Amino acid sequence: MQICDLHTVPSAMPRPLSLAQHTLYADLLEQGIDDLFDTDFAENGSILMRPGRMGGPAQHAYYQGYRRVFGGRDRGQRYARYLGRADDPAVASRIARFSRVKAVRAERATTVRALIEAGMPRPDRMTGQLVEALARAGLFPDAAVLLGAAAYQTYGGILGVRLSTALSKPVDDAETRSIQVALRAVDQTAKIHAALCGVDPSFAPWTCSADPTRTTCFQNADRVRVDVSTVNAEPILFKAAVSAVVLFGPGIPVTVPAPECWLIRTLIGQGQRTIATGDTNRALARAAELVKAVSIAGRSHLLAKGLREACRAELQNEIQHLPAAARTILEGCFQIRQVGRTL
């Protein structure tokens, strides 16, 4: 079977971000997740004050919110919730907390818009809503790592480069309608399901009929899918995992595999897919672009170190049998010859 040639894989040359753009992204990273979510009230609402009955001196506080509509741009049904007397210290504290979250989100959203206008990639609305739900559930930074196209879109900000728009987009409709995460512990799966149902109650466990042993999946009525794997299956995903920001809404803090670990996993996993199908695929093109970005960021030694460690671990056989396209990516950028034998 013919193995694809690297020349048939679309190539792209990352460009360094300006100092101002990289600083904006770094600011989002530094702020983290504090004051980004309100555990009691959706941030699309507001606090209303109403006078007491019969001319009483105390005002009464109400939260007015809108139930979320999955995938929609319009607000859902409006509802109100009584909080209590505004002069109650506990109520005043809740109002202050909500106001602080609203202010932080508004400031961060301005930064996110500036980065998007500068050409940095962002997810589609559906993906953004689901990633935000997982972040709100507390899965990042320690319990999970984000994978797939949503993770790849964050590497430009991490490395200080502008990745190509074409390669940052989902590969196909299947990737557009799915996101992937990996968990440190399988007991976090229920938390993921609850978070997804908070966005769309139709999310339910789903099993692929062609392969019932595959990764745990949740799928909604519109066939949007969330694939969940565990660290036991792919420990490389959590090795030196890094903080990142998904450019949606106020900028969603997540955890993603280190760029070098993502590259090793892609070159091995997608390389074997190329051997099996003979098809050129976007994942190898992303790998080629990311190798260049890693080099621009001065992190080439980390990739070489990761490959040496992989050679000493259980992945040695896979590395020795990388397809020509994947081997060329490494050889062309790092002069790594006969991968798996000389590293």
C-alpha atoms as a PDB file:
ATOM      1  CA  MET A   1       0.000   0.000   0.000  1.00  0.00           C
ATOM      2  CA  GLN A   2       1.354   3.410  -0.911  1.00  0.00           C
ATOM      3  CA  ILE A   3       2.233   5.671   1.999  1.00  0.00           C
ATOM      4  CA  CYS A   4       1.385   9.334   1.579  1.00  0.00           C
ATOM      5  CA  ASP A   5       4.184  11.771   0.849  1.00  0.00           C
ATOM      6  CA  LEU A   6       4.670  14.906   2.916  1.00  0.00           C
ATOM      7  CA  HIS A   7       4.487  17.006  -0.257  1.00  0.00           C
ATOM      8  CA  THR A   8       0.788  16.103  -0.520  1.00  0.00           C
ATOM      9  CA  VAL A   9       0.129  17.392   3.003  1.00  0.00           C
ATOM     10  CA  PRO A  10      -0.788  21.111   3.089  1.00  0.00           C
ATOM     11  CA  SER A  11       2.013  23.087   4.708  1.00  0.00           C
ATOM     12  CA  ALA A  12       1.901  26.326   6.658  1.00  0.00           C
ATOM     13  CA  MET A  13       4.507  28.612   8.185  1.00  0.00           C
ATOM     14  CA  PRO A  14       3.544  30.061  11.562  1.00  0.00           C
ATOM     15  CA  ARG A  15       4.359  33.708  12.177  1.00  0.00           C
ATOM     16  CA  PRO A  16       5.349  35.126  15.563  1.00  0.00           C
ATOM     17  CA  LEU A  17       2.701  37.085  17.409  1.00  0.00           C
ATOM     18  CA  SER A  18       3.436  40.695  18.146  1.00  0.00           C
ATOM     19  CA  LEU A  19       4.597  41.468  21.665  1.00  0.00           C
ATOM     20  CA  ALA A  20       1.264  43.170  22.402  1.00  0.00           C
ATOM     21  CA  GLN A  21      -0.767  40.176  21.216  1.00  0.00           C
ATOM     22  CA  HIS A  22       1.325  37.673  23.143  1.00  0.00           C
ATOM     23  CA  THR A  23       1.034  39.860  26.238  1.00  0.00           C
ATOM     24  CA  LEU A  24      -2.770  39.935  25.953  1.00  0.00           C
ATOM     25  CA  TYR A  25      -2.893  36.147  25.773  1.00  0.00           C
ATOM     26  CA  ALA A  26      -0.473  35.848  28.695  1.00  0.00           C
ATOM     27  CA  ASP A  27      -2.693  38.163  30.734  1.00  0.00           C
ATOM     28  CA  LEU A  28      -5.677  35.875  30.146  1.00  0.00           C
ATOM     29  CA  LEU A  29      -3.589  32.890  31.212  1.00  0.00           C
ATOM     30  CA  GLU A  30      -2.352  34.603  34.353  1.00  0.00           C
ATOM     31  CA  GLN A  31      -5.856  35.537  35.494  1.00  0.00           C
ATOM     32  CA  GLY A  32      -6.871  31.884  35.482  1.00  0.00           C
ATOM     33  CA  ILE A  33     -10.355  30.844  36.508  1.00  0.00           C
ATOM     34  CA  ASP A  34     -10.885  33.006  39.593  1.00  0.00           C
ATOM     35  CA  ASP A  35     -13.917  35.331  39.378  1.00  0.00           C
ATOM     36  CA  LEU A  36     -14.853  33.897  35.979  1.00  0.00           C
ATOM     37  CA  PHE A  37     -17.878  31.806  36.969  1.00  0.00           C
ATOM     38  CA  ASP A  38     -20.657  32.336  39.482  1.00  0.00           C
ATOM     39  CA  THR A  39     -21.674  29.027  41.007  1.00  0.00           C
ATOM     40  CA  ASP A  40     -25.233  30.161  41.763  1.00  0.00           C
ATOM     41  CA  PHE A  41     -26.245  32.485  38.952  1.00  0.00           C
ATOM     42  CA  ALA A  42     -25.750  32.400  35.202  1.00  0.00           C
ATOM     43  CA  GLU A  43     -23.726  35.411  34.101  1.00  0.00           C
ATOM     44  CA  ASN A  44     -26.237  36.357  31.404  1.00  0.00           C
ATOM     45  CA  GLY A  45     -28.546  37.790  34.065  1.00  0.00           C
ATOM     46  CA  SER A  46     -28.584  40.856  36.291  1.00  0.00           C
ATOM     47  CA  ILE A  47     -29.444  41.982  39.823  1.00  0.00           C
ATOM     48  CA  LEU A  48     -32.568  44.094  40.322  1.00  0.00           C
ATOM     49  CA  MET A  49     -33.442  46.165  43.392  1.00  0.00           C
ATOM     50  CA  ARG A  50     -37.033  46.820  44.356  1.00  0.00           C
ATOM     51  CA  PRO A  51     -38.388  48.875  47.242  1.00  0.00           C
ATOM     52  CA  GLY A  52     -40.026  47.145  50.166  1.00  0.00           C
ATOM     53  CA  ARG A  53     -43.755  47.012  50.548  1.00  0.00           C
ATOM     54  CA  MET A  54     -45.677  49.726  52.358  1.00  0.00           C
ATOM     55  CA  GLY A  55     -42.805  52.152  51.949  1.00  0.00           C
ATOM     56  CA  GLY A  56     -40.376  50.085  54.026  1.00  0.00           C
ATOM     57  CA  PRO A  57     -36.814  51.435  54.161  1.00  0.00           C
ATOM     58  CA  ALA A  58     -35.071  48.263  52.971  1.00  0.00           C
ATOM     59  CA  GLN A  59     -34.745  47.325  49.314  1.00  0.00           C
ATOM     60  CA  HIS A  60     -35.191  43.749  48.135  1.00  0.00           C
ATOM     61  CA  ALA A  61     -32.786  42.097  45.718  1.00  0.00           C
ATOM     62  CA  TYR A  62     -33.773  39.802  42.854  1.00  0.00           C
ATOM     63  CA  TYR A  63     -31.717  37.931  40.329  1.00  0.00           C
ATOM     64  CA  GLN A  64     -33.192  38.059  36.829  1.00  0.00           C
ATOM     65  CA  GLY A  65     -31.752  35.507  34.430  1.00  0.00           C
ATOM     66  CA  TYR A  66     -32.378  33.698  31.175  1.00  0.00           C
ATOM     67  CA  ARG A  67     -32.452  29.944  30.766  1.00  0.00           C
ATOM     68  CA  ARG A  68     -29.822  28.876  28.272  1.00  0.00           C
ATOM     69  CA  VAL A  69     -30.781  27.762  24.796  1.00  0.00           C
ATOM     70  CA  PHE A  70     -28.352  25.176  23.391  1.00  0.00           C
ATOM     71  CA  GLY A  71     -26.607  26.393  20.250  1.00  0.00           C
ATOM     72  CA  GLY A  72     -28.774  29.489  19.984  1.00  0.00           C
ATOM     73  CA  ARG A  73     -27.786  33.131  19.881  1.00  0.00           C
ATOM     74  CA  ASP A  74     -30.987  34.395  21.481  1.00  0.00           C
ATOM     75  CA  ARG A  75     -31.718  34.440  25.173  1.00  0.00           C
ATOM     76  CA  GLY A  76     -34.018  31.800  26.564  1.00  0.00           C
ATOM     77  CA  GLN A  77     -37.017  32.205  28.815  1.00  0.00           C
ATOM     78  CA  ARG A  78     -36.633  34.899  31.462  1.00  0.00           C
ATOM     79  CA  TYR A  79     -37.027  34.043  35.144  1.00  0.00           C
ATOM     80  CA  ALA A  80     -36.527  35.785  38.489  1.00  0.00           C
ATOM     81  CA  ARG A  81     -35.233  34.588  41.855  1.00  0.00           C
ATOM     82  CA  TYR A  82     -35.648  36.404  45.159  1.00  0.00           C
ATOM     83  CA  LEU A  83     -32.349  36.903  47.017  1.00  0.00           C
ATOM     84  CA  GLY A  84     -33.431  38.762  50.165  1.00  0.00           C
ATOM     85  CA  ARG A  85     -33.109  42.169  51.746  1.00  0.00           C
ATOM     86  CA  ALA A  86     -30.325  44.227  50.260  1.00  0.00           C
ATOM     87  CA  ASP A  87     -29.120  45.278  53.731  1.00  0.00           C
ATOM     88  CA  ASP A  88     -28.501  41.653  54.722  1.00  0.00           C
ATOM     89  CA  PRO A  89     -24.676  41.186  54.755  1.00  0.00           C
ATOM     90  CA  ALA A  90     -24.931  37.736  53.150  1.00  0.00           C
ATOM     91  CA  VAL A  91     -27.085  39.098  50.324  1.00  0.00           C
ATOM     92  CA  ALA A  92     -24.798  42.109  49.856  1.00  0.00           C
ATOM     93  CA  SER A  93     -21.823  39.753  49.617  1.00  0.00           C
ATOM     94  CA  ARG A  94     -23.570  37.658  46.950  1.00  0.00           C
ATOM     95  CA  ILE A  95     -24.410  40.772  44.948  1.00  0.00           C
ATOM     96  CA  ALA A  96     -20.814  42.003  45.173  1.00  0.00           C
ATOM     97  CA  ARG A  97     -19.511  38.611  44.030  1.00  0.00           C
ATOM     98  CA  PHE A  98     -21.884  38.544  41.049  1.00  0.00           C
ATOM     99  CA  SER A  99     -20.948  42.090  40.062  1.00  0.00           C
ATOM    100  CA  ARG A 100     -17.250  41.237  40.235  1.00  0.00           C
ATOM    101  CA  VAL A 101     -17.733  38.188  37.989  1.00  0.00           C
ATOM    102  CA  LYS A 102     -19.680  40.268  35.466  1.00  0.00           C
ATOM    103  CA  ALA A 103     -16.944  42.926  35.397  1.00  0.00           C
ATOM    104  CA  VAL A 104     -14.124  40.367  34.984  1.00  0.00           C
ATOM    105  CA  ARG A 105     -15.939  38.575  32.188  1.00  0.00           C
ATOM    106  CA  ALA A 106     -16.629  41.828  30.347  1.00  0.00           C
ATOM    107  CA  GLU A 107     -12.973  42.894  30.557  1.00  0.00           C
ATOM    108  CA  ARG A 108     -11.723  39.496  29.407  1.00  0.00           C
ATOM    109  CA  ALA A 109     -14.243  39.378  26.553  1.00  0.00           C
ATOM    110  CA  THR A 110     -12.764  42.634  25.222  1.00  0.00           C
ATOM    111  CA  THR A 111      -9.300  41.037  25.236  1.00  0.00           C
ATOM    112  CA  VAL A 112     -10.614  37.904  23.501  1.00  0.00           C
ATOM    113  CA  ARG A 113     -12.226  39.963  20.747  1.00  0.00           C
ATOM    114  CA  ALA A 114      -8.945  41.822  20.191  1.00  0.00           C
ATOM    115  CA  LEU A 115      -7.041  38.540  19.811  1.00  0.00           C
ATOM    116  CA  ILE A 116      -9.619  37.115  17.412  1.00  0.00           C
ATOM    117  CA  GLU A 117      -9.525  40.284  15.320  1.00  0.00           C
ATOM    118  CA  ALA A 118      -5.733  39.891  15.198  1.00  0.00           C
ATOM    119  CA  GLY A 119      -6.221  36.525  13.485  1.00  0.00           C
ATOM    120  CA  MET A 120      -5.997  34.023  16.348  1.00  0.00           C
ATOM    121  CA  PRO A 121      -8.336  31.027  15.971  1.00  0.00           C
ATOM    122  CA  ARG A 122     -11.517  30.507  17.941  1.00  0.00           C
ATOM    123  CA  PRO A 123     -13.938  27.588  18.249  1.00  0.00           C
ATOM    124  CA  ASP A 124     -17.446  27.574  16.869  1.00  0.00           C
ATOM    125  CA  ARG A 125     -20.204  28.609  19.246  1.00  0.00           C
ATOM    126  CA  MET A 126     -21.314  25.056  19.995  1.00  0.00           C
ATOM    127  CA  THR A 127     -17.809  23.902  20.940  1.00  0.00           C
ATOM    128  CA  GLY A 128     -17.262  27.020  23.014  1.00  0.00           C
ATOM    129  CA  GLN A 129     -20.421  26.438  25.032  1.00  0.00           C
ATOM    130  CA  LEU A 130     -19.468  22.851  25.811  1.00  0.00           C
ATOM    131  CA  VAL A 131     -15.878  23.711  26.771  1.00  0.00           C
ATOM    132  CA  GLU A 132     -17.155  26.488  29.025  1.00  0.00           C
ATOM    133  CA  ALA A 133     -19.545  24.031  30.708  1.00  0.00           C
ATOM    134  CA  LEU A 134     -16.667  21.641  31.441  1.00  0.00           C
ATOM    135  CA  ALA A 135     -14.559  24.483  32.835  1.00  0.00           C
ATOM    136  CA  ARG A 136     -17.459  25.676  34.990  1.00  0.00           C
ATOM    137  CA  ALA A 137     -17.734  22.146  36.409  1.00  0.00           C
ATOM    138  CA  GLY A 138     -14.163  22.427  37.690  1.00  0.00           C
ATOM    139  CA  LEU A 139     -12.603  19.831  35.381  1.00  0.00           C
ATOM    140  CA  PHE A 140      -9.712  22.153  34.546  1.00  0.00           C
ATOM    141  CA  PRO A 141      -6.901  22.511  35.439  1.00  0.00           C
ATOM    142  CA  ASP A 142      -6.353  19.229  37.307  1.00  0.00           C
ATOM    143  CA  ALA A 143      -8.998  16.640  36.388  1.00  0.00           C
ATOM    144  CA  ALA A 144      -8.996  16.761  32.582  1.00  0.00           C
ATOM    145  CA  VAL A 145      -7.154  17.872  29.465  1.00  0.00           C
ATOM    146  CA  LEU A 146      -8.813  19.176  26.334  1.00  0.00           C
ATOM    147  CA  LEU A 147      -7.959  17.469  23.028  1.00  0.00           C
ATOM    148  CA  GLY A 148      -8.843  17.753  19.341  1.00  0.00           C
ATOM    149  CA  ALA A 149      -9.207  20.882  17.248  1.00  0.00           C
ATOM    150  CA  ALA A 150     -10.200  22.980  20.289  1.00  0.00           C
ATOM    151  CA  ALA A 151      -6.856  22.172  21.926  1.00  0.00           C
ATOM    152  CA  TYR A 152      -4.866  22.761  18.737  1.00  0.00           C
ATOM    153  CA  GLN A 153      -6.349  26.257  18.447  1.00  0.00           C
ATOM    154  CA  THR A 154      -4.742  27.197  21.784  1.00  0.00           C
ATOM    155  CA  TYR A 155      -1.155  26.320  20.823  1.00  0.00           C
ATOM    156  CA  GLY A 156      -0.558  29.557  18.939  1.00  0.00           C
ATOM    157  CA  GLY A 157      -1.079  31.598  22.097  1.00  0.00           C
ATOM    158  CA  ILE A 158       1.013  29.209  24.183  1.00  0.00           C
ATOM    159  CA  LEU A 159       3.937  29.294  21.733  1.00  0.00           C
ATOM    160  CA  GLY A 160       3.587  32.947  20.748  1.00  0.00           C
ATOM    161  CA  VAL A 161       2.817  32.324  17.071  1.00  0.00           C
ATOM    162  CA  ARG A 162      -0.113  32.767  14.713  1.00  0.00           C
ATOM    163  CA  LEU A 163      -1.200  29.374  13.381  1.00  0.00           C
ATOM    164  CA  SER A 164      -2.829  29.137   9.967  1.00  0.00           C
ATOM    165  CA  THR A 165      -6.566  29.710   9.847  1.00  0.00           C
ATOM    166  CA  ALA A 166      -7.140  26.760   7.509  1.00  0.00           C
ATOM    167  CA  LEU A 167      -5.433  24.194   9.745  1.00  0.00           C
ATOM    168  CA  SER A 168      -6.974  25.580  12.930  1.00  0.00           C
ATOM    169  CA  LYS A 169     -10.475  24.868  11.673  1.00  0.00           C
ATOM    170  CA  PRO A 170     -12.064  21.451  12.260  1.00  0.00           C
ATOM    171  CA  VAL A 171     -11.029  18.863   9.690  1.00  0.00           C
ATOM    172  CA  ASP A 172     -14.536  17.790   8.706  1.00  0.00           C
ATOM    173  CA  ASP A 173     -18.130  17.724   9.885  1.00  0.00           C
ATOM    174  CA  ALA A 174     -17.354  14.912  12.318  1.00  0.00           C
ATOM    175  CA  GLU A 175     -14.694  17.024  14.051  1.00  0.00           C
ATOM    176  CA  THR A 176     -16.938  20.086  13.943  1.00  0.00           C
ATOM    177  CA  ARG A 177     -19.640  18.201  15.829  1.00  0.00           C
ATOM    178  CA  SER A 178     -17.435  16.646  18.495  1.00  0.00           C
ATOM    179  CA  ILE A 179     -14.942  17.544  21.190  1.00  0.00           C
ATOM    180  CA  GLN A 180     -12.472  15.293  22.993  1.00  0.00           C
ATOM    181  CA  VAL A 181     -11.246  15.304  26.576  1.00  0.00           C
ATOM    182  CA  ALA A 182      -9.071  12.971  28.646  1.00  0.00           C
ATOM    183  CA  LEU A 183      -9.597  12.386  32.366  1.00  0.00           C
ATOM    184  CA  ARG A 184      -7.145  11.588  35.126  1.00  0.00           C
ATOM    185  CA  ALA A 185      -9.738   9.341  36.808  1.00  0.00           C
ATOM    186  CA  VAL A 186     -12.758   7.564  35.394  1.00  0.00           C
ATOM    187  CA  ASP A 187     -14.916   8.693  38.330  1.00  0.00           C
ATOM    188  CA  GLN A 188     -15.024  12.164  36.761  1.00  0.00           C
ATOM    189  CA  THR A 189     -17.218  10.890  33.927  1.00  0.00           C
ATOM    190  CA  ALA A 190     -20.435  11.595  35.824  1.00  0.00           C
ATOM    191  CA  LYS A 191     -19.317  15.192  36.356  1.00  0.00           C
ATOM    192  CA  ILE A 192     -18.830  15.581  32.598  1.00  0.00           C
ATOM    193  CA  HIS A 193     -22.312  14.223  31.920  1.00  0.00           C
ATOM    194  CA  ALA A 194     -23.870  16.638  34.412  1.00  0.00           C
ATOM    195  CA  ALA A 195     -21.986  19.579  32.899  1.00  0.00           C
ATOM    196  CA  LEU A 196     -23.133  18.703  29.383  1.00  0.00           C
ATOM    197  CA  CYS A 197     -26.731  18.313  30.500  1.00  0.00           C
ATOM    198  CA  GLY A 198     -26.520  21.824  31.920  1.00  0.00           C
ATOM    199  CA  VAL A 199     -26.040  23.000  28.337  1.00  0.00           C
ATOM    200  CA  ASP A 200     -28.403  20.554  26.657  1.00  0.00           C
ATOM    201  CA  PRO A 201     -30.444  18.018  28.700  1.00  0.00           C
ATOM    202  CA  SER A 202     -30.555  15.616  25.744  1.00  0.00           C
ATOM    203  CA  PHE A 203     -26.910  14.589  26.237  1.00  0.00           C
ATOM    204  CA  ALA A 204     -26.780  10.890  27.118  1.00  0.00           C
ATOM    205  CA  PRO A 205     -24.201   8.075  27.135  1.00  0.00           C
ATOM    206  CA  TRP A 206     -23.660   6.700  23.647  1.00  0.00           C
ATOM    207  CA  THR A 207     -21.959   3.555  22.397  1.00  0.00           C
ATOM    208  CA  CYS A 208     -20.530   3.148  18.914  1.00  0.00           C
ATOM    209  CA  SER A 209     -22.203   0.050  17.451  1.00  0.00           C
ATOM    210  CA  ALA A 210     -19.130  -0.688  15.315  1.00  0.00           C
ATOM    211  CA  ASP A 211     -16.812  -0.677  18.339  1.00  0.00           C
ATOM    212  CA  PRO A 212     -18.578  -0.939  21.727  1.00  0.00           C
ATOM    213  CA  THR A 213     -15.215  -0.936  23.554  1.00  0.00           C
ATOM    214  CA  ARG A 214     -14.220   2.502  22.286  1.00  0.00           C
ATOM    215  CA  THR A 215     -13.839   5.687  24.325  1.00  0.00           C
ATOM    216  CA  THR A 216     -16.782   6.700  26.517  1.00  0.00           C
ATOM    217  CA  CYS A 217     -19.048   9.058  24.573  1.00  0.00           C
ATOM    218  CA  PHE A 218     -21.947  11.388  25.261  1.00  0.00           C
ATOM    219  CA  GLN A 219     -24.198  12.492  22.423  1.00  0.00           C
ATOM    220  CA  ASN A 220     -27.170  14.841  22.251  1.00  0.00           C
ATOM    221  CA  ALA A 221     -30.290  14.826  20.100  1.00  0.00           C
ATOM    222  CA  ASP A 222     -28.477  16.803  17.378  1.00  0.00           C
ATOM    223  CA  ARG A 223     -25.669  14.191  17.290  1.00  0.00           C
ATOM    224  CA  VAL A 224     -23.119  16.483  18.865  1.00  0.00           C
ATOM    225  CA  ARG A 225     -20.648  14.162  20.574  1.00  0.00           C
ATOM    226  CA  VAL A 226     -18.182  14.453  23.450  1.00  0.00           C
ATOM    227  CA  ASP A 227     -15.523  11.707  23.532  1.00  0.00           C
ATOM    228  CA  VAL A 228     -13.907  10.930  26.892  1.00  0.00           C
ATOM    229  CA  SER A 229     -10.750   8.876  27.445  1.00  0.00           C
ATOM    230  CA  THR A 230      -8.686   8.301  30.594  1.00  0.00           C
ATOM    231  CA  VAL A 231      -5.060   8.876  31.482  1.00  0.00           C
ATOM    232  CA  ASN A 232      -4.581   5.109  31.813  1.00  0.00           C
ATOM    233  CA  ALA A 233      -5.132   4.784  28.072  1.00  0.00           C
ATOM    234  CA  GLU A 234      -2.804   7.618  27.067  1.00  0.00           C
ATOM    235  CA  PRO A 235      -0.549   8.842  29.904  1.00  0.00           C
ATOM    236  CA  ILE A 236       1.398  11.053  27.475  1.00  0.00           C
ATOM    237  CA  LEU A 237      -1.565  13.449  27.404  1.00  0.00           C
ATOM    238  CA  PHE A 238      -1.018  14.487  31.035  1.00  0.00           C
ATOM    239  CA  LYS A 239       2.767  14.590  30.910  1.00  0.00           C
ATOM    240  CA  ALA A 240       3.718  18.237  31.453  1.00  0.00           C
ATOM    241  CA  ALA A 241       0.167  19.378  30.614  1.00  0.00           C
ATOM    242  CA  VAL A 242      -0.052  23.172  30.295  1.00  0.00           C
ATOM    243  CA  SER A 243      -2.619  25.884  30.903  1.00  0.00           C
ATOM    244  CA  ALA A 244      -4.281  27.464  27.878  1.00  0.00           C
ATOM    245  CA  VAL A 245      -7.192  29.713  26.920  1.00  0.00           C
ATOM    246  CA  VAL A 246      -9.958  28.870  24.470  1.00  0.00           C
ATOM    247  CA  LEU A 247     -10.930  32.137  22.764  1.00  0.00           C
ATOM    248  CA  PHE A 248     -14.663  31.970  23.388  1.00  0.00           C
ATOM    249  CA  GLY A 249     -16.699  34.455  25.417  1.00  0.00           C
ATOM    250  CA  PRO A 250     -14.472  35.736  28.233  1.00  0.00           C
ATOM    251  CA  GLY A 251     -11.668  33.293  27.330  1.00  0.00           C
ATOM    252  CA  ILE A 252     -12.112  29.851  28.873  1.00  0.00           C
ATOM    253  CA  PRO A 253      -9.149  28.575  30.950  1.00  0.00           C
ATOM    254  CA  VAL A 254      -8.415  24.931  30.108  1.00  0.00           C
ATOM    255  CA  THR A 255      -5.586  22.421  30.329  1.00  0.00           C
ATOM    256  CA  VAL A 256      -4.117  20.895  27.167  1.00  0.00           C
ATOM    257  CA  PRO A 257      -1.278  18.451  26.490  1.00  0.00           C
ATOM    258  CA  ALA A 258       2.098  20.138  26.157  1.00  0.00           C
ATOM    259  CA  PRO A 259       2.678  20.919  22.443  1.00  0.00           C
ATOM    260  CA  GLU A 260       5.525  18.401  22.321  1.00  0.00           C
ATOM    261  CA  CYS A 261       3.353  15.632  23.800  1.00  0.00           C
ATOM    262  CA  TRP A 262       0.555  16.458  21.367  1.00  0.00           C
ATOM    263  CA  LEU A 263       3.037  16.150  18.510  1.00  0.00           C
ATOM    264  CA  ILE A 264       4.351  12.756  19.625  1.00  0.00           C
ATOM    265  CA  ARG A 265       0.829  11.396  20.073  1.00  0.00           C
ATOM    266  CA  THR A 266      -0.233  12.752  16.683  1.00  0.00           C
ATOM    267  CA  LEU A 267       2.789  11.503  14.762  1.00  0.00           C
ATOM    268  CA  ILE A 268       2.309   8.035  16.195  1.00  0.00           C
ATOM    269  CA  GLY A 269      -1.478   7.725  16.225  1.00  0.00           C
ATOM    270  CA  GLN A 270      -2.212   9.601  13.018  1.00  0.00           C
ATOM    271  CA  GLY A 271       0.824   8.100  11.364  1.00  0.00           C
ATOM    272  CA  GLN A 272      -0.604   4.632  11.856  1.00  0.00           C
ATOM    273  CA  ARG A 273      -3.927   5.827  10.507  1.00  0.00           C
ATOM    274  CA  THR A 274      -2.095   7.024   7.383  1.00  0.00           C
ATOM    275  CA  ILE A 275      -0.492   3.612   6.943  1.00  0.00           C
ATOM    276  CA  ALA A 276      -3.849   1.891   7.310  1.00  0.00           C
ATOM    277  CA  THR A 277      -5.794   4.131   4.919  1.00  0.00           C
ATOM    278  CA  GLY A 278      -3.195   5.569   2.575  1.00  0.00           C
ATOM    279  CA  ASP A 279      -4.897   8.951   3.010  1.00  0.00           C
ATOM    280  CA  THR A 280      -3.248  12.304   3.576  1.00  0.00           C
ATOM    281  CA  ASN A 281      -4.924  13.848   6.626  1.00  0.00           C
ATOM    282  CA  ARG A 282      -5.102  17.197   8.304  1.00  0.00           C
ATOM    283  CA  ALA A 283      -3.589  15.902  11.530  1.00  0.00           C
ATOM    284  CA  LEU A 284      -0.191  15.391   9.890  1.00  0.00           C
ATOM    285  CA  ALA A 285      -0.409  18.867   8.355  1.00  0.00           C
ATOM    286  CA  ARG A 286      -1.104  20.259  11.820  1.00  0.00           C
ATOM    287  CA  ALA A 287       1.861  18.324  13.152  1.00  0.00           C
ATOM    288  CA  ALA A 288       4.118  19.774  10.468  1.00  0.00           C
ATOM    289  CA  GLU A 289       2.950  23.288  11.309  1.00  0.00           C
ATOM    290  CA  LEU A 290       3.289  22.748  15.042  1.00  0.00           C
ATOM    291  CA  VAL A 291       6.839  21.433  14.690  1.00  0.00           C
ATOM    292  CA  LYS A 292       7.730  24.744  13.058  1.00  0.00           C
ATOM    293  CA  ALA A 293       5.916  26.653  15.808  1.00  0.00           C
ATOM    294  CA  VAL A 294       7.776  24.693  18.496  1.00  0.00           C
ATOM    295  CA  SER A 295      11.041  25.594  16.755  1.00  0.00           C
ATOM    296  CA  ILE A 296      10.116  29.297  16.603  1.00  0.00           C
ATOM    297  CA  ALA A 297       9.319  29.202  20.324  1.00  0.00           C
ATOM    298  CA  GLY A 298      12.716  27.657  21.105  1.00  0.00           C
ATOM    299  CA  ARG A 299      11.262  24.400  22.413  1.00  0.00           C
ATOM    300  CA  SER A 300      12.774  21.966  19.898  1.00  0.00           C
ATOM    301  CA  HIS A 301      14.839  20.328  22.640  1.00  0.00           C
ATOM    302  CA  LEU A 302      11.644  19.421  24.521  1.00  0.00           C
ATOM    303  CA  LEU A 303      10.317  17.544  21.500  1.00  0.00           C
ATOM    304  CA  ALA A 304      13.596  15.678  21.074  1.00  0.00           C
ATOM    305  CA  LYS A 305      13.580  14.804  24.774  1.00  0.00           C
ATOM    306  CA  GLY A 306       9.998  13.528  24.533  1.00  0.00           C
ATOM    307  CA  LEU A 307      10.878  11.337  21.584  1.00  0.00           C
ATOM    308  CA  ARG A 308      13.859   9.869  23.433  1.00  0.00           C
ATOM    309  CA  GLU A 309      11.617   9.035  26.390  1.00  0.00           C
ATOM    310  CA  ALA A 310       9.002   7.518  24.083  1.00  0.00           C
ATOM    311  CA  CYS A 311      11.675   5.322  22.531  1.00  0.00           C
ATOM    312  CA  ARG A 312      12.512   3.910  25.955  1.00  0.00           C
ATOM    313  CA  ALA A 313       8.851   3.319  26.788  1.00  0.00           C
ATOM    314  CA  GLU A 314       6.115   1.177  25.340  1.00  0.00           C
ATOM    315  CA  LEU A 315       5.828   3.382  22.233  1.00  0.00           C
ATOM    316  CA  GLN A 316       9.194   2.350  20.827  1.00  0.00           C
ATOM    317  CA  ASN A 317       7.798  -0.051  18.261  1.00  0.00           C
ATOM    318  CA  GLU A 318       5.288   2.493  16.952  1.00  0.00           C
ATOM    319  CA  ILE A 319       7.973   5.166  16.561  1.00  0.00           C
ATOM    320  CA  GLN A 320      10.193   2.779  14.642  1.00  0.00           C
ATOM    321  CA  HIS A 321       7.390   2.265  12.142  1.00  0.00           C
ATOM    322  CA  LEU A 322       6.285   5.848  11.587  1.00  0.00           C
ATOM    323  CA  PRO A 323       5.124   6.462   8.009  1.00  0.00           C
ATOM    324  CA  ALA A 324       7.272   8.441   5.590  1.00  0.00           C
ATOM    325  CA  ALA A 325       5.284  11.664   6.039  1.00  0.00           C
ATOM    326  CA  ALA A 326       5.658  11.699   9.820  1.00  0.00           C
ATOM    327  CA  ARG A 327       9.347  10.761   9.663  1.00  0.00           C
ATOM    328  CA  THR A 328       9.974  13.520   7.127  1.00  0.00           C
ATOM    329  CA  ILE A 329       8.381  16.072   9.426  1.00  0.00           C
ATOM    330  CA  LEU A 330      10.898  15.198  12.123  1.00  0.00           C
ATOM    331  CA  GLU A 331      13.892  14.741   9.861  1.00  0.00           C
ATOM    332  CA  GLY A 332      13.310  17.988   8.000  1.00  0.00           C
ATOM    333  CA  CYS A 333      13.094  20.105  11.126  1.00  0.00           C
ATOM    334  CA  PHE A 334      15.474  18.413  13.526  1.00  0.00           C
ATOM    335  CA  GLN A 335      17.702  16.220  11.354  1.00  0.00           C
ATOM    336  CA  ILE A 336      16.420  13.237  13.341  1.00  0.00           C
ATOM    337  CA  ARG A 337      17.411  10.185  11.312  1.00  0.00           C
ATOM    338  CA  GLN A 338      16.010   6.675  11.722  1.00  0.00           C
ATOM    339  CA  VAL A 339      13.636   7.664  14.475  1.00  0.00           C
ATOM    340  CA  GLY A 340      13.487   5.095  17.242  1.00  0.00           C
ATOM    341  CA  ARG A 341      16.963   3.736  16.589  1.00  0.00           C
ATOM    342  CA  THR A 342      19.350   6.653  16.987  1.00  0.00           C
ATOM    343  CA  LEU A 343      17.482   8.822  19.526  1.00  0.00           C
END
